[in-house]
Amino acid sequence: YIDTIANPKVVEEIRSRIKRIDIDGILESA
C-alpha cells in the first residue's frame, strides 16, 4: 500500500484478517 494514500483503517483490518488465518497451506491467492 502507499502509506500517504491508503486508508490506515483498511490496512489494519487486512493485517488483522491475515494474522487470524489458521490453515495448513495457502497454495494460491484464491
PDB file of all heavy atoms in Angstrom:
ATOM      1  N   TYR A   1       0.856  -1.184   0.000  1.00  0.00           N
ATOM      2  CA  TYR A   1       0.000   0.000   0.000  1.00  0.00           C
ATOM      3  C   TYR A   1       0.895   1.237   0.000  1.00  0.00           C
ATOM      4  O   TYR A   1       2.078   1.166   0.350  1.00  0.00           O
ATOM      5  CB  TYR A   1      -0.936   0.009   1.214  1.00  0.00           C
ATOM      6  CG  TYR A   1      -0.219  -0.013   2.540  1.00  0.00           C
ATOM      7  CD1 TYR A   1       0.059   1.166   3.227  1.00  0.00           C
ATOM      8  CD2 TYR A   1       0.199  -1.211   3.114  1.00  0.00           C
ATOM      9  CE1 TYR A   1       0.732   1.146   4.437  1.00  0.00           C
ATOM     10  CE2 TYR A   1       0.854  -1.240   4.309  1.00  0.00           C
ATOM     11  CZ  TYR A   1       1.130  -0.054   4.974  1.00  0.00           C
ATOM     12  OH  TYR A   1       1.803  -0.079   6.162  1.00  0.00           O
ATOM     13  N   ILE A   2       0.338   2.364  -0.391  1.00  0.00           N
ATOM     14  CA  ILE A   2       1.062   3.624  -0.324  1.00  0.00           C
ATOM     15  C   ILE A   2       0.631   4.312   0.962  1.00  0.00           C
ATOM     16  O   ILE A   2      -0.549   4.629   1.145  1.00  0.00           O
ATOM     17  CB  ILE A   2       0.810   4.496  -1.562  1.00  0.00           C
ATOM     18  CG1 ILE A   2       1.302   3.754  -2.814  1.00  0.00           C
ATOM     19  CG2 ILE A   2       1.500   5.847  -1.423  1.00  0.00           C
ATOM     20  CD1 ILE A   2       1.065   4.478  -4.107  1.00  0.00           C
ATOM     21  N   ASP A   3       1.575   4.533   1.839  1.00  0.00           N
ATOM     22  CA  ASP A   3       1.313   4.985   3.199  1.00  0.00           C
ATOM     23  C   ASP A   3       0.534   6.303   3.254  1.00  0.00           C
ATOM     24  O   ASP A   3      -0.334   6.474   4.100  1.00  0.00           O
ATOM     25  CB  ASP A   3       2.654   5.126   3.937  1.00  0.00           C
ATOM     26  CG  ASP A   3       2.486   5.196   5.428  1.00  0.00           C
ATOM     27  OD1 ASP A   3       1.470   4.679   5.926  1.00  0.00           O
ATOM     28  OD2 ASP A   3       3.377   5.756   6.097  1.00  0.00           O
ATOM     29  N   THR A   4       0.819   7.223   2.355  1.00  0.00           N
ATOM     30  CA  THR A   4       0.176   8.542   2.396  1.00  0.00           C
ATOM     31  C   THR A   4      -1.177   8.566   1.707  1.00  0.00           C
ATOM     32  O   THR A   4      -1.908   9.545   1.836  1.00  0.00           O
ATOM     33  CB  THR A   4       1.090   9.592   1.747  1.00  0.00           C
ATOM     34  OG1 THR A   4       1.435   9.146   0.426  1.00  0.00           O
ATOM     35  CG2 THR A   4       2.352   9.788   2.559  1.00  0.00           C
ATOM     36  N   ILE A   5      -1.531   7.516   0.973  1.00  0.00           N
ATOM     37  CA  ILE A   5      -2.784   7.500   0.210  1.00  0.00           C
ATOM     38  C   ILE A   5      -3.796   6.517   0.789  1.00  0.00           C
ATOM     39  O   ILE A   5      -4.975   6.828   0.904  1.00  0.00           O
ATOM     40  CB  ILE A   5      -2.513   7.166  -1.273  1.00  0.00           C
ATOM     41  CG1 ILE A   5      -1.581   8.207  -1.895  1.00  0.00           C
ATOM     42  CG2 ILE A   5      -3.808   7.102  -2.059  1.00  0.00           C
ATOM     43  CD1 ILE A   5      -1.164   7.886  -3.315  1.00  0.00           C
ATOM     44  N   ALA A   6      -3.363   5.325   1.152  1.00  0.00           N
ATOM     45  CA  ALA A   6      -4.277   4.268   1.612  1.00  0.00           C
ATOM     46  C   ALA A   6      -4.878   4.623   2.975  1.00  0.00           C
ATOM     47  O   ALA A   6      -4.239   5.270   3.807  1.00  0.00           O
ATOM     48  CB  ALA A   6      -3.539   2.939   1.701  1.00  0.00           C
ATOM     49  N   ASN A   7      -6.105   4.165   3.170  1.00  0.00           N
ATOM     50  CA  ASN A   7      -6.796   4.374   4.433  1.00  0.00           C
ATOM     51  C   ASN A   7      -6.160   3.472   5.496  1.00  0.00           C
ATOM     52  O   ASN A   7      -6.158   2.252   5.352  1.00  0.00           O
ATOM     53  CB  ASN A   7      -8.282   4.041   4.266  1.00  0.00           C
ATOM     54  CG  ASN A   7      -9.102   4.340   5.492  1.00  0.00           C
ATOM     55  OD1 ASN A   7      -8.579   4.567   6.573  1.00  0.00           O
ATOM     56  ND2 ASN A   7     -10.410   4.337   5.308  1.00  0.00           N
ATOM     57  N   PRO A   8      -5.628   4.047   6.590  1.00  0.00           N
ATOM     58  CA  PRO A   8      -4.964   3.216   7.613  1.00  0.00           C
ATOM     59  C   PRO A   8      -5.888   2.191   8.267  1.00  0.00           C
ATOM     60  O   PRO A   8      -5.439   1.116   8.659  1.00  0.00           O
ATOM     61  CB  PRO A   8      -4.475   4.230   8.652  1.00  0.00           C
ATOM     62  CG  PRO A   8      -4.581   5.564   8.023  1.00  0.00           C
ATOM     63  CD  PRO A   8      -5.537   5.468   6.897  1.00  0.00           C
ATOM     64  N   LYS A   9      -7.179   2.489   8.358  1.00  0.00           N
ATOM     65  CA  LYS A   9      -8.120   1.533   8.957  1.00  0.00           C
ATOM     66  C   LYS A   9      -8.272   0.298   8.080  1.00  0.00           C
ATOM     67  O   LYS A   9      -8.361  -0.819   8.580  1.00  0.00           O
ATOM     68  CB  LYS A   9      -9.480   2.197   9.168  1.00  0.00           C
ATOM     69  CG  LYS A   9      -9.473   3.265  10.228  1.00  0.00           C
ATOM     70  CD  LYS A   9     -10.825   3.908  10.358  1.00  0.00           C
ATOM     71  CE  LYS A   9     -10.782   5.034  11.387  1.00  0.00           C
ATOM     72  NZ  LYS A   9     -12.043   5.755  11.490  1.00  0.00           N
ATOM     73  N   VAL A  10      -8.287   0.507   6.761  1.00  0.00           N
ATOM     74  CA  VAL A  10      -8.389  -0.626   5.831  1.00  0.00           C
ATOM     75  C   VAL A  10      -7.133  -1.486   5.916  1.00  0.00           C
ATOM     76  O   VAL A  10      -7.206  -2.717   5.961  1.00  0.00           O
ATOM     77  CB  VAL A  10      -8.628  -0.125   4.388  1.00  0.00           C
ATOM     78  CG1 VAL A  10      -8.532  -1.260   3.387  1.00  0.00           C
ATOM     79  CG2 VAL A  10      -9.968   0.581   4.276  1.00  0.00           C
ATOM     80  N   VAL A  11      -5.980  -0.829   5.959  1.00  0.00           N
ATOM     81  CA  VAL A  11      -4.710  -1.561   6.040  1.00  0.00           C
ATOM     82  C   VAL A  11      -4.657  -2.384   7.325  1.00  0.00           C
ATOM     83  O   VAL A  11      -4.273  -3.559   7.319  1.00  0.00           O
ATOM     84  CB  VAL A  11      -3.509  -0.592   5.949  1.00  0.00           C
ATOM     85  CG1 VAL A  11      -2.200  -1.323   6.170  1.00  0.00           C
ATOM     86  CG2 VAL A  11      -3.494   0.130   4.613  1.00  0.00           C
ATOM     87  N   GLU A  12      -5.059  -1.793   8.436  1.00  0.00           N
ATOM     88  CA  GLU A  12      -5.033  -2.505   9.718  1.00  0.00           C
ATOM     89  C   GLU A  12      -6.020  -3.674   9.730  1.00  0.00           C
ATOM     90  O   GLU A  12      -5.724  -4.742  10.265  1.00  0.00           O
ATOM     91  CB  GLU A  12      -5.342  -1.538  10.864  1.00  0.00           C
ATOM     92  CG  GLU A  12      -5.212  -2.154  12.226  1.00  0.00           C
ATOM     93  CD  GLU A  12      -3.861  -2.796  12.484  1.00  0.00           C
ATOM     94  OE1 GLU A  12      -2.827  -2.213  12.091  1.00  0.00           O
ATOM     95  OE2 GLU A  12      -3.827  -3.900  13.060  1.00  0.00           O
ATOM     96  N   GLU A  13      -7.187  -3.487   9.104  1.00  0.00           N
ATOM     97  CA  GLU A  13      -8.174  -4.573   9.041  1.00  0.00           C
ATOM     98  C   GLU A  13      -7.642  -5.751   8.213  1.00  0.00           C
ATOM     99  O   GLU A  13      -7.812  -6.913   8.588  1.00  0.00           O
ATOM    100  CB  GLU A  13      -9.482  -4.052   8.438  1.00  0.00           C
ATOM    101  CG  GLU A  13     -10.572  -5.077   8.334  1.00  0.00           C
ATOM    102  CD  GLU A  13     -11.062  -5.588   9.680  1.00  0.00           C
ATOM    103  OE1 GLU A  13     -10.950  -4.866  10.684  1.00  0.00           O
ATOM    104  OE2 GLU A  13     -11.542  -6.742   9.723  1.00  0.00           O
ATOM    105  N   ILE A  14      -6.976  -5.449   7.107  1.00  0.00           N
ATOM    106  CA  ILE A  14      -6.399  -6.513   6.269  1.00  0.00           C
ATOM    107  C   ILE A  14      -5.305  -7.243   7.036  1.00  0.00           C
ATOM    108  O   ILE A  14      -5.226  -8.478   7.008  1.00  0.00           O
ATOM    109  CB  ILE A  14      -5.884  -5.935   4.939  1.00  0.00           C
ATOM    110  CG1 ILE A  14      -7.073  -5.489   4.085  1.00  0.00           C
ATOM    111  CG2 ILE A  14      -5.026  -6.942   4.188  1.00  0.00           C
ATOM    112  CD1 ILE A  14      -6.709  -4.706   2.858  1.00  0.00           C
ATOM    113  N   ARG A  15      -4.457  -6.490   7.735  1.00  0.00           N
ATOM    114  CA  ARG A  15      -3.409  -7.102   8.557  1.00  0.00           C
ATOM    115  C   ARG A  15      -4.006  -8.064   9.591  1.00  0.00           C
ATOM    116  O   ARG A  15      -3.538  -9.184   9.750  1.00  0.00           O
ATOM    117  CB  ARG A  15      -2.634  -6.020   9.317  1.00  0.00           C
ATOM    118  CG  ARG A  15      -1.438  -5.516   8.639  1.00  0.00           C
ATOM    119  CD  ARG A  15      -0.637  -4.660   9.622  1.00  0.00           C
ATOM    120  NE  ARG A  15      -0.053  -3.554   8.910  1.00  0.00           N
ATOM    121  CZ  ARG A  15      -0.262  -2.267   9.159  1.00  0.00           C
ATOM    122  NH1 ARG A  15      -1.040  -1.888  10.135  1.00  0.00           N
ATOM    123  NH2 ARG A  15       0.329  -1.350   8.433  1.00  0.00           N
ATOM    124  N   SER A  16      -5.037  -7.595  10.291  1.00  0.00           N
ATOM    125  CA  SER A  16      -5.614  -8.431  11.350  1.00  0.00           C
ATOM    126  C   SER A  16      -6.291  -9.671  10.778  1.00  0.00           C
ATOM    127  O   SER A  16      -6.224 -10.746  11.371  1.00  0.00           O
ATOM    128  CB  SER A  16      -6.597  -7.620  12.189  1.00  0.00           C
ATOM    129  OG  SER A  16      -7.744  -7.282  11.445  1.00  0.00           O
ATOM    130  N   ARG A  17      -6.923  -9.552   9.604  1.00  0.00           N
ATOM    131  CA  ARG A  17      -7.557 -10.725   8.992  1.00  0.00           C
ATOM    132  C   ARG A  17      -6.518 -11.741   8.534  1.00  0.00           C
ATOM    133  O   ARG A  17      -6.746 -12.946   8.621  1.00  0.00           O
ATOM    134  CB  ARG A  17      -8.452 -10.300   7.832  1.00  0.00           C
ATOM    135  CG  ARG A  17      -9.698  -9.587   8.298  1.00  0.00           C
ATOM    136  CD  ARG A  17     -10.619  -9.266   7.169  1.00  0.00           C
ATOM    137  NE  ARG A  17     -11.725  -8.444   7.644  1.00  0.00           N
ATOM    138  CZ  ARG A  17     -12.831  -8.252   6.979  1.00  0.00           C
ATOM    139  NH1 ARG A  17     -13.004  -8.807   5.789  1.00  0.00           N
ATOM    140  NH2 ARG A  17     -13.779  -7.496   7.466  1.00  0.00           N
ATOM    141  N   ILE A  18      -5.392 -11.270   8.033  1.00  0.00           N
ATOM    142  CA  ILE A  18      -4.336 -12.190   7.611  1.00  0.00           C
ATOM    143  C   ILE A  18      -3.742 -12.901   8.826  1.00  0.00           C
ATOM    144  O   ILE A  18      -3.478 -14.102   8.791  1.00  0.00           O
ATOM    145  CB  ILE A  18      -3.251 -11.445   6.804  1.00  0.00           C
ATOM    146  CG1 ILE A  18      -3.801 -11.071   5.423  1.00  0.00           C
ATOM    147  CG2 ILE A  18      -1.993 -12.298   6.652  1.00  0.00           C
ATOM    148  CD1 ILE A  18      -2.879 -10.229   4.597  1.00  0.00           C
ATOM    149  N   LYS A  19      -3.549 -12.166   9.914  1.00  0.00           N
ATOM    150  CA  LYS A  19      -2.974 -12.773  11.117  1.00  0.00           C
ATOM    151  C   LYS A  19      -3.895 -13.807  11.747  1.00  0.00           C
ATOM    152  O   LYS A  19      -3.435 -14.722  12.416  1.00  0.00           O
ATOM    153  CB  LYS A  19      -2.640 -11.685  12.139  1.00  0.00           C
ATOM    154  CG  LYS A  19      -1.449 -10.846  11.733  1.00  0.00           C
ATOM    155  CD  LYS A  19      -1.198  -9.733  12.728  1.00  0.00           C
ATOM    156  CE  LYS A  19      -0.050  -8.856  12.264  1.00  0.00           C
ATOM    157  NZ  LYS A  19       0.139  -7.690  13.150  1.00  0.00           N
ATOM    158  N   ARG A  20      -5.207 -13.693  11.522  1.00  0.00           N
ATOM    159  CA  ARG A  20      -6.167 -14.640  12.097  1.00  0.00           C
ATOM    160  C   ARG A  20      -6.305 -15.925  11.291  1.00  0.00           C
ATOM    161  O   ARG A  20      -6.947 -16.870  11.742  1.00  0.00           O
ATOM    162  CB  ARG A  20      -7.551 -13.988  12.205  1.00  0.00           C
ATOM    163  CG  ARG A  20      -7.679 -13.010  13.334  1.00  0.00           C
ATOM    164  CD  ARG A  20      -9.102 -12.579  13.453  1.00  0.00           C
ATOM    165  NE  ARG A  20      -9.535 -11.973  12.196  1.00  0.00           N
ATOM    166  CZ  ARG A  20     -10.309 -10.906  12.103  1.00  0.00           C
ATOM    167  NH1 ARG A  20     -10.785 -10.344  13.167  1.00  0.00           N
ATOM    168  NH2 ARG A  20     -10.645 -10.414  10.941  1.00  0.00           N
ATOM    169  N   ILE A  21      -5.739 -15.977  10.096  1.00  0.00           N
ATOM    170  CA  ILE A  21      -5.898 -17.162   9.243  1.00  0.00           C
ATOM    171  C   ILE A  21      -5.161 -18.341   9.866  1.00  0.00           C
ATOM    172  O   ILE A  21      -3.976 -18.266  10.172  1.00  0.00           O
ATOM    173  CB  ILE A  21      -5.371 -16.884   7.814  1.00  0.00           C
ATOM    174  CG1 ILE A  21      -6.222 -15.823   7.143  1.00  0.00           C
ATOM    175  CG2 ILE A  21      -5.349 -18.170   6.989  1.00  0.00           C
ATOM    176  CD1 ILE A  21      -5.709 -15.384   5.794  1.00  0.00           C
ATOM    177  N   ASP A  22      -5.891 -19.433  10.029  1.00  0.00           N
ATOM    178  CA  ASP A  22      -5.314 -20.658  10.593  1.00  0.00           C
ATOM    179  C   ASP A  22      -5.649 -21.803   9.640  1.00  0.00           C
ATOM    180  O   ASP A  22      -6.751 -22.344   9.664  1.00  0.00           O
ATOM    181  CB  ASP A  22      -5.882 -20.909  11.990  1.00  0.00           C
ATOM    182  CG  ASP A  22      -5.224 -22.102  12.660  1.00  0.00           C
ATOM    183  OD1 ASP A  22      -4.053 -22.393  12.337  1.00  0.00           O
ATOM    184  OD2 ASP A  22      -5.886 -22.743  13.488  1.00  0.00           O
ATOM    185  N   ILE A  23      -4.704 -22.145   8.792  1.00  0.00           N
ATOM    186  CA  ILE A  23      -4.895 -23.174   7.773  1.00  0.00           C
ATOM    187  C   ILE A  23      -3.557 -23.879   7.568  1.00  0.00           C
ATOM    188  O   ILE A  23      -2.495 -23.319   7.857  1.00  0.00           O
ATOM    189  CB  ILE A  23      -5.428 -22.546   6.463  1.00  0.00           C
ATOM    190  CG1 ILE A  23      -5.865 -23.608   5.465  1.00  0.00           C
ATOM    191  CG2 ILE A  23      -4.410 -21.613   5.862  1.00  0.00           C
ATOM    192  CD1 ILE A  23      -6.584 -23.048   4.241  1.00  0.00           C
ATOM    193  N   ASP A  24      -3.613 -25.103   7.051  1.00  0.00           N
ATOM    194  CA  ASP A  24      -2.378 -25.846   6.804  1.00  0.00           C
ATOM    195  C   ASP A  24      -1.552 -25.238   5.680  1.00  0.00           C
ATOM    196  O   ASP A  24      -0.328 -25.208   5.766  1.00  0.00           O
ATOM    197  CB  ASP A  24      -2.685 -27.308   6.471  1.00  0.00           C
ATOM    198  CG  ASP A  24      -3.116 -28.086   7.698  1.00  0.00           C
ATOM    199  OD1 ASP A  24      -2.796 -27.651   8.813  1.00  0.00           O
ATOM    200  OD2 ASP A  24      -3.776 -29.128   7.525  1.00  0.00           O
ATOM    201  N   GLY A  25      -2.224 -24.795   4.606  1.00  0.00           N
ATOM    202  CA  GLY A  25      -1.451 -24.269   3.486  1.00  0.00           C
ATOM    203  C   GLY A  25      -2.239 -23.340   2.598  1.00  0.00           C
ATOM    204  O   GLY A  25      -3.437 -23.501   2.405  1.00  0.00           O
ATOM    205  N   ILE A  26      -1.555 -22.356   2.065  1.00  0.00           N
ATOM    206  CA  ILE A  26      -2.096 -21.440   1.059  1.00  0.00           C
ATOM    207  C   ILE A  26      -1.336 -21.749  -0.232  1.00  0.00           C
ATOM    208  O   ILE A  26      -0.125 -21.550  -0.308  1.00  0.00           O
ATOM    209  CB  ILE A  26      -1.872 -19.961   1.453  1.00  0.00           C
ATOM    210  CG1 ILE A  26      -2.592 -19.616   2.741  1.00  0.00           C
ATOM    211  CG2 ILE A  26      -2.266 -19.034   0.322  1.00  0.00           C
ATOM    212  CD1 ILE A  26      -4.060 -19.392   2.615  1.00  0.00           C
ATOM    213  N   LEU A  27      -2.032 -22.256  -1.237  1.00  0.00           N
ATOM    214  CA  LEU A  27      -1.380 -22.624  -2.489  1.00  0.00           C
ATOM    215  C   LEU A  27      -1.630 -21.609  -3.596  1.00  0.00           C
ATOM    216  O   LEU A  27      -0.921 -21.606  -4.598  1.00  0.00           O
ATOM    217  CB  LEU A  27      -1.867 -24.005  -2.937  1.00  0.00           C
ATOM    218  CG  LEU A  27      -1.604 -25.134  -1.943  1.00  0.00           C
ATOM    219  CD1 LEU A  27      -2.194 -26.435  -2.463  1.00  0.00           C
ATOM    220  CD2 LEU A  27      -0.122 -25.272  -1.666  1.00  0.00           C
ATOM    221  N   GLU A  28      -2.650 -20.763  -3.424  1.00  0.00           N
ATOM    222  CA  GLU A  28      -2.998 -19.785  -4.454  1.00  0.00           C
ATOM    223  C   GLU A  28      -3.716 -18.630  -3.779  1.00  0.00           C
ATOM    224  O   GLU A  28      -4.214 -18.760  -2.663  1.00  0.00           O
ATOM    225  CB  GLU A  28      -3.906 -20.456  -5.502  1.00  0.00           C
ATOM    226  CG  GLU A  28      -3.758 -19.931  -6.914  1.00  0.00           C
ATOM    227  CD  GLU A  28      -4.681 -18.764  -7.197  1.00  0.00           C
ATOM    228  OE1 GLU A  28      -5.736 -18.666  -6.575  1.00  0.00           O
ATOM    229  OE2 GLU A  28      -4.303 -17.956  -8.040  1.00  0.00           O
ATOM    230  N   SER A  29      -3.790 -17.491  -4.447  1.00  0.00           N
ATOM    231  CA  SER A  29      -4.391 -16.302  -3.832  1.00  0.00           C
ATOM    232  C   SER A  29      -5.887 -16.469  -3.569  1.00  0.00           C
ATOM    233  O   SER A  29      -6.440 -15.794  -2.703  1.00  0.00           O
ATOM    234  CB  SER A  29      -4.137 -15.077  -4.711  1.00  0.00           C
ATOM    235  OG  SER A  29      -4.680 -15.254  -5.999  1.00  0.00           O
ATOM    236  N   ALA A  30      -6.557 -17.370  -4.268  1.00  0.00           N
ATOM    237  CA  ALA A  30      -7.991 -17.595  -4.038  1.00  0.00           C
ATOM    238  C   ALA A  30      -8.240 -18.165  -2.641  1.00  0.00           C
ATOM    239  O   ALA A  30      -9.282 -17.893  -2.046  1.00  0.00           O
ATOM    240  CB  ALA A  30      -8.557 -18.527  -5.098  1.00  0.00           C
TER     241      ALA A  30
END
